[in-house]
Every structure is written in C-alpha cells, then in structure tokens.
C-alpha cells in the first residue's frame, strides 16, 4: 500500500516499516512505529500477521488498526482457516485492545497502483 499512498501522504509524517521506503520518509522499527502512531495500517501477508502482531499488542494498545490482510497462500489461492473462525476475526483476537476495522482487502495491489 506504500507506493499508491506516497503522493497522498506527502504532507504527513508517516513512518514506514517495509522493504521499500519512499524517498523523504523515515524507516523505523515496528515497535516504534506502533507506539508513536495514531493509527496502524496492516499491509502484510496474512500468514505473517500473527507472529508480527502478537508481540506488538501492547505497543498498539487501543489504537485504530486498519486490517488490509487477506488469508492467501503464496500462489494467491485461499488459505484454509477452518470453519470456526475467519481472518477478520483473528486479527482482533491477536490485538484485543485495538479498534480493528477491515478495509482495502478486496482491492489487490496491482489495481491500487493504477
């Protein structure tokens, strides 16, 4: 989500925690970004979300978290989660104090860049 948002975010101080950091933006650790931000946008593979988010739960606290993850395998086929829960339910379970909203997950990155 970083590239399409570069021009929109040019007037904001947005820390990026990703492999490709837009020019003139600062790269910080995940813990620092979560602690110092007003809102967190999850734009990561769903398969990495649990291991990434659980240790950050305290730093995220009761902040707004926009969850753009999709439960997909590496080949973009659906990741089978079982019948008792969904990806939309898991992220709030991993971040029990956060105010999680699901958004942007129905639009793939190749469409957002256009």
Foldseek 3Di string as FASTA:
>chain_A
DVVLCCVVCVPPQQEDDDPDDDPPHHHDDPLVRLQPDQEAEDDDELVCLLVPQLVNLVSNAAHEYEYQYAQADPVRHHDDPDDPDHSQVVNCVSNVNYRYDYDNNVPDPVRSVD
